[in-house]
């Protein structure tokens, strides 16, 4: 049910901790046996065999560091981060606050599902976008739907199906009864502060619907295109969209300093966009790190890759103001 590209790196990260701990234990045993079996002078006994002491000290530091990282990786999924993105467009006449969440991957035991609506409400959004992969199992459906119902009660909320809903839960309508407007090859106009913008989206493996759908979007209106995969930015750009929102990558889920994401998922074109804002001509694409974690047998860990809630502050051009991305919370 899960992609080996996602499983293996996570298990390797977990195994690394145990190897380091075993290395520390081995060094300690060797040191102990050396002192027990080989008589030492008082000076040597006081100082100890330097090579063994150095090995053990290094192993201890690595072990403590790895265990600390391991402990944090199980805690980090409960500490979401709000990313603020400021974009300008001449198609807009007034500010719009748009929130994107993605990849909740809800399990039977809730994590952030109960807190998310409150965090989003504090951001005072005009619109909320959900870019797929809502559940890891049928047991997570209840907490996912409860979360979506509360969010949809804050402001108009739109969602698309990701690969998990299409490939493994195609018989479940995850958005049913939530109030979320499910986009299945639909483009709809929405009025915000007396201006019209268009929201469109297609599910994974339904990309064939996109071109005809986007032709119905007026070119002079600001438009947002939802699709779970980052590689579909080409479809959005070809259709004249102004903003493409995606997820899927989890930004690697485990990001090691100096090495980057351990998990690098690419889809149809081989390009990899871990996370964040990318510009393609006149269009922007944003890849959300997601809220949850890969399902199946994969350990539920995140490291150096906190769950993300993206807040887009959209508005008309204001002089030479720079487009920017900053983080809060």
C-alpha atoms as a PDB file:
ATOM      1  CA  UNK A   1       0.000   0.000   0.000  1.00  0.00           C
ATOM      2  CA  UNK A   2       2.971   2.315   0.528  1.00  0.00           C
ATOM      3  CA  UNK A   3       5.823   3.361  -1.699  1.00  0.00           C
ATOM      4  CA  UNK A   4       9.185   1.793  -0.848  1.00  0.00           C
ATOM      5  CA  UNK A   5      10.781   5.154  -1.617  1.00  0.00           C
ATOM      6  CA  UNK A   6       9.007   6.453   1.464  1.00  0.00           C
ATOM      7  CA  UNK A   7       9.355   3.417   3.749  1.00  0.00           C
ATOM      8  CA  UNK A   8      13.057   2.636   3.473  1.00  0.00           C
ATOM      9  CA  UNK A   9      14.538   6.045   4.452  1.00  0.00           C
ATOM     10  CA  UNK A  10      12.290   6.325   7.501  1.00  0.00           C
ATOM     11  CA  UNK A  11      13.261   2.864   8.710  1.00  0.00           C
ATOM     12  CA  UNK A  12      16.923   3.672   8.079  1.00  0.00           C
ATOM     13  CA  UNK A  13      16.600   6.768  10.251  1.00  0.00           C
ATOM     14  CA  UNK A  14      15.099   4.713  13.085  1.00  0.00           C
ATOM     15  CA  UNK A  15      17.700   1.942  12.647  1.00  0.00           C
ATOM     16  CA  UNK A  16      20.531   4.495  12.828  1.00  0.00           C
ATOM     17  CA  UNK A  17      19.653   5.244  16.435  1.00  0.00           C
ATOM     18  CA  UNK A  18      19.870   1.598  17.425  1.00  0.00           C
ATOM     19  CA  UNK A  19      23.165   1.090  15.595  1.00  0.00           C
ATOM     20  CA  UNK A  20      24.674   4.068  17.401  1.00  0.00           C
ATOM     21  CA  UNK A  21      23.395   2.792  20.731  1.00  0.00           C
ATOM     22  CA  UNK A  22      24.814  -0.652  19.970  1.00  0.00           C
ATOM     23  CA  UNK A  23      28.131   0.939  19.020  1.00  0.00           C
ATOM     24  CA  UNK A  24      28.276   2.742  22.339  1.00  0.00           C
ATOM     25  CA  UNK A  25      27.503  -0.472  24.207  1.00  0.00           C
ATOM     26  CA  UNK A  26      30.147  -2.371  22.238  1.00  0.00           C
ATOM     27  CA  UNK A  27      32.794   0.290  22.974  1.00  0.00           C
ATOM     28  CA  UNK A  28      31.912   0.168  26.662  1.00  0.00           C
ATOM     29  CA  UNK A  29      32.224  -3.615  26.760  1.00  0.00           C
ATOM     30  CA  UNK A  30      35.570  -3.563  24.973  1.00  0.00           C
ATOM     31  CA  UNK A  31      36.868  -0.933  27.375  1.00  0.00           C
ATOM     32  CA  UNK A  32      35.679  -2.904  30.378  1.00  0.00           C
ATOM     33  CA  UNK A  33      37.199  -6.168  29.137  1.00  0.00           C
ATOM     34  CA  UNK A  34      40.476  -4.422  28.332  1.00  0.00           C
ATOM     35  CA  UNK A  35      40.764  -3.101  31.887  1.00  0.00           C
ATOM     36  CA  UNK A  36      39.702  -6.459  33.378  1.00  0.00           C
ATOM     37  CA  UNK A  37      42.001  -8.706  31.375  1.00  0.00           C
ATOM     38  CA  UNK A  38      45.162  -6.569  31.020  1.00  0.00           C
ATOM     39  CA  UNK A  39      47.091  -5.290  34.043  1.00  0.00           C
ATOM     40  CA  UNK A  40      47.789  -1.594  33.763  1.00  0.00           C
ATOM     41  CA  UNK A  41      50.226   0.700  35.484  1.00  0.00           C
ATOM     42  CA  UNK A  42      48.744   3.240  37.848  1.00  0.00           C
ATOM     43  CA  UNK A  43      49.334   6.045  35.321  1.00  0.00           C
ATOM     44  CA  UNK A  44      47.846   4.095  32.420  1.00  0.00           C
ATOM     45  CA  UNK A  45      44.940   2.961  34.573  1.00  0.00           C
ATOM     46  CA  UNK A  46      44.240   6.566  35.556  1.00  0.00           C
ATOM     47  CA  UNK A  47      44.370   7.864  31.988  1.00  0.00           C
ATOM     48  CA  UNK A  48      42.962   4.757  30.300  1.00  0.00           C
ATOM     49  CA  UNK A  49      43.759   3.527  26.767  1.00  0.00           C
ATOM     50  CA  UNK A  50      43.336   6.784  24.837  1.00  0.00           C
ATOM     51  CA  UNK A  51      42.123   5.168  21.636  1.00  0.00           C
ATOM     52  CA  UNK A  52      39.395   3.218  23.449  1.00  0.00           C
ATOM     53  CA  UNK A  53      38.420   6.228  25.545  1.00  0.00           C
ATOM     54  CA  UNK A  54      38.178   8.370  22.457  1.00  0.00           C
ATOM     55  CA  UNK A  55      36.062   5.778  20.653  1.00  0.00           C
ATOM     56  CA  UNK A  56      33.730   5.429  23.582  1.00  0.00           C
ATOM     57  CA  UNK A  57      33.428   9.191  24.089  1.00  0.00           C
ATOM     58  CA  UNK A  58      32.632   9.725  20.421  1.00  0.00           C
ATOM     59  CA  UNK A  59      30.132   6.878  20.399  1.00  0.00           C
ATOM     60  CA  UNK A  60      28.461   8.256  23.537  1.00  0.00           C
ATOM     61  CA  UNK A  61      28.067  11.713  22.044  1.00  0.00           C
ATOM     62  CA  UNK A  62      26.632  10.276  18.832  1.00  0.00           C
ATOM     63  CA  UNK A  63      24.317   7.993  20.744  1.00  0.00           C
ATOM     64  CA  UNK A  64      22.967  10.750  22.995  1.00  0.00           C
ATOM     65  CA  UNK A  65      22.517  13.046  19.987  1.00  0.00           C
ATOM     66  CA  UNK A  66      20.780  10.352  17.964  1.00  0.00           C
ATOM     67  CA  UNK A  67      18.485   9.428  20.845  1.00  0.00           C
ATOM     68  CA  UNK A  68      17.607  13.104  21.294  1.00  0.00           C
ATOM     69  CA  UNK A  69      16.833  13.448  17.590  1.00  0.00           C
ATOM     70  CA  UNK A  70      14.788  10.269  17.720  1.00  0.00           C
ATOM     71  CA  UNK A  71      12.747  11.493  20.685  1.00  0.00           C
ATOM     72  CA  UNK A  72      12.102  14.829  18.986  1.00  0.00           C
ATOM     73  CA  UNK A  73      11.087  13.130  15.729  1.00  0.00           C
ATOM     74  CA  UNK A  74       8.128  11.585  17.575  1.00  0.00           C
ATOM     75  CA  UNK A  75       7.239  14.949  19.169  1.00  0.00           C
ATOM     76  CA  UNK A  76       7.628  17.195  16.117  1.00  0.00           C
ATOM     77  CA  UNK A  77       4.385  16.000  14.419  1.00  0.00           C
ATOM     78  CA  UNK A  78       2.500  17.771  17.223  1.00  0.00           C
ATOM     79  CA  UNK A  79       4.154  21.177  16.649  1.00  0.00           C
ATOM     80  CA  UNK A  80       2.690  22.769  13.500  1.00  0.00           C
ATOM     81  CA  UNK A  81       4.155  25.830  11.839  1.00  0.00           C
ATOM     82  CA  UNK A  82       2.305  28.588  10.005  1.00  0.00           C
ATOM     83  CA  UNK A  83       4.118  29.728   6.863  1.00  0.00           C
ATOM     84  CA  UNK A  84       3.140  33.184   5.610  1.00  0.00           C
ATOM     85  CA  UNK A  85       3.368  33.804   1.862  1.00  0.00           C
ATOM     86  CA  UNK A  86       2.761  37.261   0.362  1.00  0.00           C
ATOM     87  CA  UNK A  87       1.883  37.453  -3.342  1.00  0.00           C
ATOM     88  CA  UNK A  88       0.689  40.305  -5.527  1.00  0.00           C
ATOM     89  CA  UNK A  89      -1.369  40.234  -8.699  1.00  0.00           C
ATOM     90  CA  UNK A  90      -2.787  42.992 -10.901  1.00  0.00           C
ATOM     91  CA  UNK A  91      -5.887  40.818 -11.255  1.00  0.00           C
ATOM     92  CA  UNK A  92      -6.796  41.498  -7.624  1.00  0.00           C
ATOM     93  CA  UNK A  93      -8.420  44.669  -6.327  1.00  0.00           C
ATOM     94  CA  UNK A  94      -8.503  43.840  -2.610  1.00  0.00           C
ATOM     95  CA  UNK A  95      -6.627  41.611  -0.149  1.00  0.00           C
ATOM     96  CA  UNK A  96      -7.522  37.934   0.171  1.00  0.00           C
ATOM     97  CA  UNK A  97      -6.395  35.569   2.916  1.00  0.00           C
ATOM     98  CA  UNK A  98      -6.157  31.991   1.707  1.00  0.00           C
ATOM     99  CA  UNK A  99      -5.070  29.007   3.816  1.00  0.00           C
ATOM    100  CA  UNK A 100      -3.740  25.741   2.401  1.00  0.00           C
ATOM    101  CA  UNK A 101      -3.413  22.447   4.270  1.00  0.00           C
ATOM    102  CA  UNK A 102      -2.414  19.120   2.796  1.00  0.00           C
ATOM    103  CA  UNK A 103      -1.620  15.484   3.575  1.00  0.00           C
ATOM    104  CA  UNK A 104      -3.381  15.088   6.906  1.00  0.00           C
ATOM    105  CA  UNK A 105      -2.932  11.292   6.605  1.00  0.00           C
ATOM    106  CA  UNK A 106      -5.323  10.799   9.512  1.00  0.00           C
ATOM    107  CA  UNK A 107      -4.912   7.630  11.582  1.00  0.00           C
ATOM    108  CA  UNK A 108      -7.407   6.127  14.050  1.00  0.00           C
ATOM    109  CA  UNK A 109      -5.634   8.062  16.818  1.00  0.00           C
ATOM    110  CA  UNK A 110      -5.941  11.792  16.160  1.00  0.00           C
ATOM    111  CA  UNK A 111      -2.874  14.030  16.227  1.00  0.00           C
ATOM    112  CA  UNK A 112      -3.464  17.610  15.054  1.00  0.00           C
ATOM    113  CA  UNK A 113      -7.001  17.130  13.735  1.00  0.00           C
ATOM    114  CA  UNK A 114      -8.588  18.591  16.880  1.00  0.00           C
ATOM    115  CA  UNK A 115      -6.280  21.632  16.999  1.00  0.00           C
ATOM    116  CA  UNK A 116      -6.183  22.522  13.303  1.00  0.00           C
ATOM    117  CA  UNK A 117      -9.575  24.294  13.103  1.00  0.00           C
ATOM    118  CA  UNK A 118      -8.642  26.580  15.989  1.00  0.00           C
ATOM    119  CA  UNK A 119      -5.273  27.468  14.458  1.00  0.00           C
ATOM    120  CA  UNK A 120      -6.895  28.193  11.098  1.00  0.00           C
ATOM    121  CA  UNK A 121      -9.666  30.265  12.691  1.00  0.00           C
ATOM    122  CA  UNK A 122      -7.039  32.511  14.293  1.00  0.00           C
ATOM    123  CA  UNK A 123      -5.637  33.258  10.814  1.00  0.00           C
ATOM    124  CA  UNK A 124      -8.996  34.750   9.701  1.00  0.00           C
ATOM    125  CA  UNK A 125      -8.969  33.183   6.223  1.00  0.00           C
ATOM    126  CA  UNK A 126     -11.387  34.022   3.444  1.00  0.00           C
ATOM    127  CA  UNK A 127     -10.859  30.620   1.806  1.00  0.00           C
ATOM    128  CA  UNK A 128      -9.277  27.277   2.725  1.00  0.00           C
ATOM    129  CA  UNK A 129      -7.749  24.797   0.242  1.00  0.00           C
ATOM    130  CA  UNK A 130      -7.128  21.103   0.989  1.00  0.00           C
ATOM    131  CA  UNK A 131      -4.786  19.370  -1.457  1.00  0.00           C
ATOM    132  CA  UNK A 132      -5.387  15.698  -0.819  1.00  0.00           C
ATOM    133  CA  UNK A 133      -4.227  12.591   1.073  1.00  0.00           C
ATOM    134  CA  UNK A 134      -6.651  12.906   3.943  1.00  0.00           C
ATOM    135  CA  UNK A 135      -6.486   9.448   5.528  1.00  0.00           C
ATOM    136  CA  UNK A 136      -4.065   6.576   6.098  1.00  0.00           C
ATOM    137  CA  UNK A 137      -6.828   4.093   6.818  1.00  0.00           C
ATOM    138  CA  UNK A 138     -10.584   3.869   7.066  1.00  0.00           C
ATOM    139  CA  UNK A 139     -10.113   4.131  10.828  1.00  0.00           C
ATOM    140  CA  UNK A 140      -8.867   7.708  10.408  1.00  0.00           C
ATOM    141  CA  UNK A 141     -11.950   8.813   8.470  1.00  0.00           C
ATOM    142  CA  UNK A 142     -13.870   9.971  11.534  1.00  0.00           C
ATOM    143  CA  UNK A 143     -11.223  12.379  12.818  1.00  0.00           C
ATOM    144  CA  UNK A 144     -10.536  13.650   9.292  1.00  0.00           C
ATOM    145  CA  UNK A 145     -14.192  14.414   8.597  1.00  0.00           C
ATOM    146  CA  UNK A 146     -14.695  16.025  11.990  1.00  0.00           C
ATOM    147  CA  UNK A 147     -11.727  18.281  11.302  1.00  0.00           C
ATOM    148  CA  UNK A 148     -12.990  19.176   7.827  1.00  0.00           C
ATOM    149  CA  UNK A 149     -16.486  19.979   9.133  1.00  0.00           C
ATOM    150  CA  UNK A 150     -15.082  22.487  11.600  1.00  0.00           C
ATOM    151  CA  UNK A 151     -12.797  24.091   9.020  1.00  0.00           C
ATOM    152  CA  UNK A 152     -15.597  24.322   6.449  1.00  0.00           C
ATOM    153  CA  UNK A 153     -17.631  26.130   9.104  1.00  0.00           C
ATOM    154  CA  UNK A 154     -15.010  28.894   9.247  1.00  0.00           C
ATOM    155  CA  UNK A 155     -15.105  29.881   5.568  1.00  0.00           C
ATOM    156  CA  UNK A 156     -15.615  28.306   2.119  1.00  0.00           C
ATOM    157  CA  UNK A 157     -13.332  25.277   1.852  1.00  0.00           C
ATOM    158  CA  UNK A 158     -12.304  23.436  -1.307  1.00  0.00           C
ATOM    159  CA  UNK A 159     -10.572  20.088  -1.648  1.00  0.00           C
ATOM    160  CA  UNK A 160      -9.206  17.588  -4.147  1.00  0.00           C
ATOM    161  CA  UNK A 161      -8.388  13.909  -3.821  1.00  0.00           C
ATOM    162  CA  UNK A 162      -4.759  12.817  -3.556  1.00  0.00           C
ATOM    163  CA  UNK A 163      -3.196   9.523  -4.534  1.00  0.00           C
ATOM    164  CA  UNK A 164      -4.240   7.783  -1.304  1.00  0.00           C
ATOM    165  CA  UNK A 165      -7.924   8.556  -1.911  1.00  0.00           C
ATOM    166  CA  UNK A 166      -7.713   7.552  -5.569  1.00  0.00           C
ATOM    167  CA  UNK A 167      -5.434   4.525  -5.400  1.00  0.00           C
ATOM    168  CA  UNK A 168      -6.477   2.875  -2.134  1.00  0.00           C
ATOM    169  CA  UNK A 169      -9.730   4.456  -0.914  1.00  0.00           C
ATOM    170  CA  UNK A 170     -11.566   5.102  -4.158  1.00  0.00           C
ATOM    171  CA  UNK A 171     -14.733   3.619  -2.637  1.00  0.00           C
ATOM    172  CA  UNK A 172     -14.757   6.233   0.157  1.00  0.00           C
ATOM    173  CA  UNK A 173     -15.836   9.832  -0.329  1.00  0.00           C
ATOM    174  CA  UNK A 174     -13.610  11.334   2.357  1.00  0.00           C
ATOM    175  CA  UNK A 175     -15.240  14.780   2.049  1.00  0.00           C
ATOM    176  CA  UNK A 176     -18.817  13.508   2.318  1.00  0.00           C
ATOM    177  CA  UNK A 177     -20.873  15.394   4.891  1.00  0.00           C
ATOM    178  CA  UNK A 178     -18.084  17.822   5.738  1.00  0.00           C
ATOM    179  CA  UNK A 179     -19.192  20.906   3.815  1.00  0.00           C
ATOM    180  CA  UNK A 180     -15.971  20.887   1.799  1.00  0.00           C
ATOM    181  CA  UNK A 181     -16.523  21.637  -1.894  1.00  0.00           C
ATOM    182  CA  UNK A 182     -14.886  18.690  -3.648  1.00  0.00           C
ATOM    183  CA  UNK A 183     -13.343  19.690  -6.966  1.00  0.00           C
ATOM    184  CA  UNK A 184     -13.554  16.892  -9.524  1.00  0.00           C
ATOM    185  CA  UNK A 185     -12.696  18.619 -12.774  1.00  0.00           C
ATOM    186  CA  UNK A 186     -14.679  21.695 -11.734  1.00  0.00           C
ATOM    187  CA  UNK A 187     -13.824  25.382 -11.841  1.00  0.00           C
ATOM    188  CA  UNK A 188     -16.010  27.618  -9.691  1.00  0.00           C
ATOM    189  CA  UNK A 189     -16.158  31.392  -9.179  1.00  0.00           C
ATOM    190  CA  UNK A 190     -16.011  32.726  -5.636  1.00  0.00           C
ATOM    191  CA  UNK A 191     -16.648  36.282  -4.499  1.00  0.00           C
ATOM    192  CA  UNK A 192     -14.354  37.700  -1.844  1.00  0.00           C
ATOM    193  CA  UNK A 193     -14.550  41.385  -0.864  1.00  0.00           C
ATOM    194  CA  UNK A 194     -16.540  42.300  -3.929  1.00  0.00           C
ATOM    195  CA  UNK A 195     -14.139  40.651  -6.368  1.00  0.00           C
ATOM    196  CA  UNK A 196     -14.376  37.378  -8.232  1.00  0.00           C
ATOM    197  CA  UNK A 197     -11.668  34.731  -8.213  1.00  0.00           C
ATOM    198  CA  UNK A 198     -11.800  31.203  -9.606  1.00  0.00           C
ATOM    199  CA  UNK A 199     -10.947  27.948  -7.836  1.00  0.00           C
ATOM    200  CA  UNK A 200     -10.373  24.788  -9.877  1.00  0.00           C
ATOM    201  CA  UNK A 201      -8.982  21.345  -9.234  1.00  0.00           C
ATOM    202  CA  UNK A 202      -8.702  17.747 -10.365  1.00  0.00           C
ATOM    203  CA  UNK A 203      -7.974  14.510  -8.553  1.00  0.00           C
ATOM    204  CA  UNK A 204      -4.906  12.371  -9.098  1.00  0.00           C
ATOM    205  CA  UNK A 205      -5.228  10.272 -12.288  1.00  0.00           C
ATOM    206  CA  UNK A 206      -7.923  12.645 -13.562  1.00  0.00           C
ATOM    207  CA  UNK A 207      -5.561  15.141 -15.136  1.00  0.00           C
ATOM    208  CA  UNK A 208      -7.301  14.664 -18.481  1.00  0.00           C
ATOM    209  CA  UNK A 209     -10.113  16.839 -17.104  1.00  0.00           C
ATOM    210  CA  UNK A 210      -7.864  19.837 -16.501  1.00  0.00           C
ATOM    211  CA  UNK A 211      -7.446  21.445 -19.928  1.00  0.00           C
ATOM    212  CA  UNK A 212     -11.158  21.667 -20.729  1.00  0.00           C
ATOM    213  CA  UNK A 213     -11.889  22.813 -17.186  1.00  0.00           C
ATOM    214  CA  UNK A 214      -9.300  25.608 -17.229  1.00  0.00           C
ATOM    215  CA  UNK A 215     -10.576  26.912 -20.571  1.00  0.00           C
ATOM    216  CA  UNK A 216     -13.746  27.960 -18.739  1.00  0.00           C
ATOM    217  CA  UNK A 217     -11.804  30.218 -16.361  1.00  0.00           C
ATOM    218  CA  UNK A 218     -11.801  33.886 -17.458  1.00  0.00           C
ATOM    219  CA  UNK A 219      -8.209  34.938 -18.123  1.00  0.00           C
ATOM    220  CA  UNK A 220      -8.706  38.333 -16.495  1.00  0.00           C
ATOM    221  CA  UNK A 221      -9.698  36.723 -13.168  1.00  0.00           C
ATOM    222  CA  UNK A 222      -7.241  35.519 -10.537  1.00  0.00           C
ATOM    223  CA  UNK A 223      -7.367  31.719 -10.476  1.00  0.00           C
ATOM    224  CA  UNK A 224      -6.092  29.008  -8.147  1.00  0.00           C
ATOM    225  CA  UNK A 225      -5.536  25.428  -9.346  1.00  0.00           C
ATOM    226  CA  UNK A 226      -5.464  22.515  -6.880  1.00  0.00           C
ATOM    227  CA  UNK A 227      -3.721  19.229  -7.578  1.00  0.00           C
ATOM    228  CA  UNK A 228      -1.963  16.910  -5.172  1.00  0.00           C
ATOM    229  CA  UNK A 229       1.216  16.472  -7.244  1.00  0.00           C
ATOM    230  CA  UNK A 230       3.744  19.319  -7.612  1.00  0.00           C
ATOM    231  CA  UNK A 231       4.593  18.190 -11.157  1.00  0.00           C
ATOM    232  CA  UNK A 232       1.173  19.324 -12.354  1.00  0.00           C
ATOM    233  CA  UNK A 233       2.338  22.939 -12.314  1.00  0.00           C
ATOM    234  CA  UNK A 234       2.699  22.588 -16.092  1.00  0.00           C
ATOM    235  CA  UNK A 235      -1.007  21.864 -16.418  1.00  0.00           C
ATOM    236  CA  UNK A 236      -1.814  24.888 -14.270  1.00  0.00           C
ATOM    237  CA  UNK A 237       0.524  27.184 -16.216  1.00  0.00           C
ATOM    238  CA  UNK A 238      -0.780  25.959 -19.559  1.00  0.00           C
ATOM    239  CA  UNK A 239      -4.312  26.771 -18.435  1.00  0.00           C
ATOM    240  CA  UNK A 240      -3.418  30.287 -17.340  1.00  0.00           C
ATOM    241  CA  UNK A 241      -3.664  29.756 -13.578  1.00  0.00           C
ATOM    242  CA  UNK A 242      -2.041  32.288 -11.282  1.00  0.00           C
ATOM    243  CA  UNK A 243      -1.384  29.986  -8.325  1.00  0.00           C
ATOM    244  CA  UNK A 244      -0.945  26.224  -8.202  1.00  0.00           C
ATOM    245  CA  UNK A 245      -1.221  24.513  -4.798  1.00  0.00           C
ATOM    246  CA  UNK A 246       0.158  21.010  -4.205  1.00  0.00           C
ATOM    247  CA  UNK A 247       1.390  18.650  -1.490  1.00  0.00           C
ATOM    248  CA  UNK A 248       2.462  14.987  -1.676  1.00  0.00           C
ATOM    249  CA  UNK A 249       6.178  15.311  -0.827  1.00  0.00           C
ATOM    250  CA  UNK A 250       5.893  15.938   2.943  1.00  0.00           C
ATOM    251  CA  UNK A 251       9.116  17.838   2.172  1.00  0.00           C
ATOM    252  CA  UNK A 252      10.893  14.546   2.793  1.00  0.00           C
ATOM    253  CA  UNK A 253       9.366  14.170   6.281  1.00  0.00           C
ATOM    254  CA  UNK A 254      12.901  13.618   7.653  1.00  0.00           C
ATOM    255  CA  UNK A 255      15.345  16.383   6.758  1.00  0.00           C
ATOM    256  CA  UNK A 256      18.937  15.960   7.910  1.00  0.00           C
ATOM    257  CA  UNK A 257      21.061  19.118   8.230  1.00  0.00           C
ATOM    258  CA  UNK A 258      23.575  19.223   5.392  1.00  0.00           C
ATOM    259  CA  UNK A 259      21.969  16.272   3.604  1.00  0.00           C
ATOM    260  CA  UNK A 260      18.425  17.477   3.022  1.00  0.00           C
ATOM    261  CA  UNK A 261      15.309  15.309   2.735  1.00  0.00           C
ATOM    262  CA  UNK A 262      15.788  11.564   3.136  1.00  0.00           C
ATOM    263  CA  UNK A 263      12.660  10.877   1.103  1.00  0.00           C
ATOM    264  CA  UNK A 264      12.565  12.343  -2.399  1.00  0.00           C
ATOM    265  CA  UNK A 265       9.355  11.467  -4.182  1.00  0.00           C
ATOM    266  CA  UNK A 266       9.116  12.287  -7.872  1.00  0.00           C
ATOM    267  CA  UNK A 267       6.134  11.534 -10.025  1.00  0.00           C
ATOM    268  CA  UNK A 268       5.635  11.809 -13.759  1.00  0.00           C
ATOM    269  CA  UNK A 269       8.372  14.141 -14.936  1.00  0.00           C
ATOM    270  CA  UNK A 270      11.242  13.294 -12.599  1.00  0.00           C
ATOM    271  CA  UNK A 271      11.421  16.827 -11.161  1.00  0.00           C
ATOM    272  CA  UNK A 272      11.599  17.171  -7.399  1.00  0.00           C
ATOM    273  CA  UNK A 273      10.102  20.100  -5.517  1.00  0.00           C
ATOM    274  CA  UNK A 274      10.504  19.413  -1.807  1.00  0.00           C
ATOM    275  CA  UNK A 275       8.437  22.311  -0.505  1.00  0.00           C
ATOM    276  CA  UNK A 276       7.856  26.026  -0.650  1.00  0.00           C
ATOM    277  CA  UNK A 277       7.242  28.647  -3.304  1.00  0.00           C
ATOM    278  CA  UNK A 278       8.368  28.212  -6.914  1.00  0.00           C
ATOM    279  CA  UNK A 279       7.884  30.546  -9.861  1.00  0.00           C
ATOM    280  CA  UNK A 280       7.097  29.288 -13.352  1.00  0.00           C
ATOM    281  CA  UNK A 281       6.805  32.241 -15.690  1.00  0.00           C
ATOM    282  CA  UNK A 282       3.964  34.408 -14.460  1.00  0.00           C
ATOM    283  CA  UNK A 283       2.548  31.642 -12.261  1.00  0.00           C
ATOM    284  CA  UNK A 284       3.494  30.615  -8.741  1.00  0.00           C
ATOM    285  CA  UNK A 285       3.403  27.056  -7.427  1.00  0.00           C
ATOM    286  CA  UNK A 286       3.451  26.195  -3.745  1.00  0.00           C
ATOM    287  CA  UNK A 287       4.311  22.759  -2.357  1.00  0.00           C
ATOM    288  CA  UNK A 288       2.994  22.260   1.165  1.00  0.00           C
ATOM    289  CA  UNK A 289       4.937  20.128   3.680  1.00  0.00           C
ATOM    290  CA  UNK A 290       1.691  18.621   4.875  1.00  0.00           C
ATOM    291  CA  UNK A 291       0.221  17.953   8.292  1.00  0.00           C
ATOM    292  CA  UNK A 292       0.500  14.196   8.751  1.00  0.00           C
ATOM    293  CA  UNK A 293       2.865  11.370   7.897  1.00  0.00           C
ATOM    294  CA  UNK A 294       3.101   8.426   5.568  1.00  0.00           C
ATOM    295  CA  UNK A 295       0.830   5.540   6.489  1.00  0.00           C
ATOM    296  CA  UNK A 296       1.169   1.781   6.513  1.00  0.00           C
ATOM    297  CA  UNK A 297       4.067   0.325   8.501  1.00  0.00           C
ATOM    298  CA  UNK A 298       6.157   3.508   8.347  1.00  0.00           C
ATOM    299  CA  UNK A 299       7.005   4.983  11.792  1.00  0.00           C
ATOM    300  CA  UNK A 300       5.048   8.183  12.419  1.00  0.00           C
ATOM    301  CA  UNK A 301       7.993  10.554  12.664  1.00  0.00           C
ATOM    302  CA  UNK A 302       9.030  13.967  11.371  1.00  0.00           C
ATOM    303  CA  UNK A 303      12.436  15.518  11.844  1.00  0.00           C
ATOM    304  CA  UNK A 304      13.433  19.086  10.995  1.00  0.00           C
ATOM    305  CA  UNK A 305      10.224  19.222   8.937  1.00  0.00           C
ATOM    306  CA  UNK A 306       7.336  20.511  11.038  1.00  0.00           C
ATOM    307  CA  UNK A 307       3.707  20.138   9.909  1.00  0.00           C
ATOM    308  CA  UNK A 308       2.734  23.138   7.813  1.00  0.00           C
ATOM    309  CA  UNK A 309      -0.248  25.438   7.526  1.00  0.00           C
ATOM    310  CA  UNK A 310       0.331  27.881   4.663  1.00  0.00           C
ATOM    311  CA  UNK A 311      -1.267  31.320   4.821  1.00  0.00           C
ATOM    312  CA  UNK A 312      -1.334  33.214   1.521  1.00  0.00           C
ATOM    313  CA  UNK A 313      -1.857  36.946   1.734  1.00  0.00           C
ATOM    314  CA  UNK A 314      -2.906  37.854  -1.788  1.00  0.00           C
ATOM    315  CA  UNK A 315      -3.465  41.370  -2.976  1.00  0.00           C
ATOM    316  CA  UNK A 316      -2.994  43.992  -5.690  1.00  0.00           C
ATOM    317  CA  UNK A 317       0.497  45.369  -6.395  1.00  0.00           C
ATOM    318  CA  UNK A 318       1.692  47.865  -3.828  1.00  0.00           C
ATOM    319  CA  UNK A 319       4.539  49.810  -5.398  1.00  0.00           C
ATOM    320  CA  UNK A 320       7.826  47.959  -5.444  1.00  0.00           C
ATOM    321  CA  UNK A 321       7.037  45.764  -2.448  1.00  0.00           C
ATOM    322  CA  UNK A 322       8.948  42.505  -2.546  1.00  0.00           C
ATOM    323  CA  UNK A 323       7.162  39.187  -2.605  1.00  0.00           C
ATOM    324  CA  UNK A 324       8.239  37.373   0.478  1.00  0.00           C
ATOM    325  CA  UNK A 325       7.944  34.196   2.516  1.00  0.00           C
ATOM    326  CA  UNK A 326       8.334  34.289   6.278  1.00  0.00           C
ATOM    327  CA  UNK A 327       7.488  31.923   9.110  1.00  0.00           C
ATOM    328  CA  UNK A 328       5.585  32.365  12.323  1.00  0.00           C
ATOM    329  CA  UNK A 329       4.461  30.229  15.221  1.00  0.00           C
END
